[in-house]
């Protein structure tokens, strides 16, 4: 028996919310969320086979489908899988299945790229998941991992088991990957402003009106940012 992931109920409560919150035309537009996906998208070239582990409602899969040959997604939540299947119905190169990240239903060396987008902080057994990512990657393949940047002075986020610092995440990933490069996303100054009622409304209005997004900025100084992106080989 494999351990069950921590339950994630938001899809039952909010539906395919990534598709809504990443749409600049939506009144619910979420600039940090959109910037996180764009950071991954910029780094994933026209790969032949991509796997999104913890794909949720399938939004990232939809973005990747335009440049990648085949995109697969797995999620343990039945509701998430149902939403992704519905959203991706017209995407002929996308395939979704219900599965645990601890036991991926694929043969070894099946994918050129594997994604773990804001999933690892929800896992009670991250090392087991990373073993599976390594197993299904081809030699020379790449894994991309995003997660909130952990800070000792604050509590972990809702439904999170652990939030990692950059060095902590790099050490964990280094047990499975020979090369791990950590970059930081979401400028902290902008994120703090966005966390206030006035800033939240103002930044969303500005981003929607002008198609700008201050959360696209990246850097190497963790004290200035709020999100981690790790690129692994």
Foldseek 3Di string as FASTA:
>chain_A
DDDDFQDDCVCVVPNLVLVQQCDLVHPNPDQLSVLLLVVVVVPDAQWAEEEEEQCFLPPSVVSNLVRYNAYEYEHQDPSRQVNNCVVCVVRPRYYYDYDHLLDDPDAFQQTQEYEHEAPLQRGPCNLSSLVSVLRNHHVVGKYKYKHWADDPVDDDDPNGPDHHHPVRVCVSNVVRFVDKDKKFWAFPVLVVLCPDPVSVNVQSVVCSVPVDRPRNDIGDDVVGHTMMMMMGD
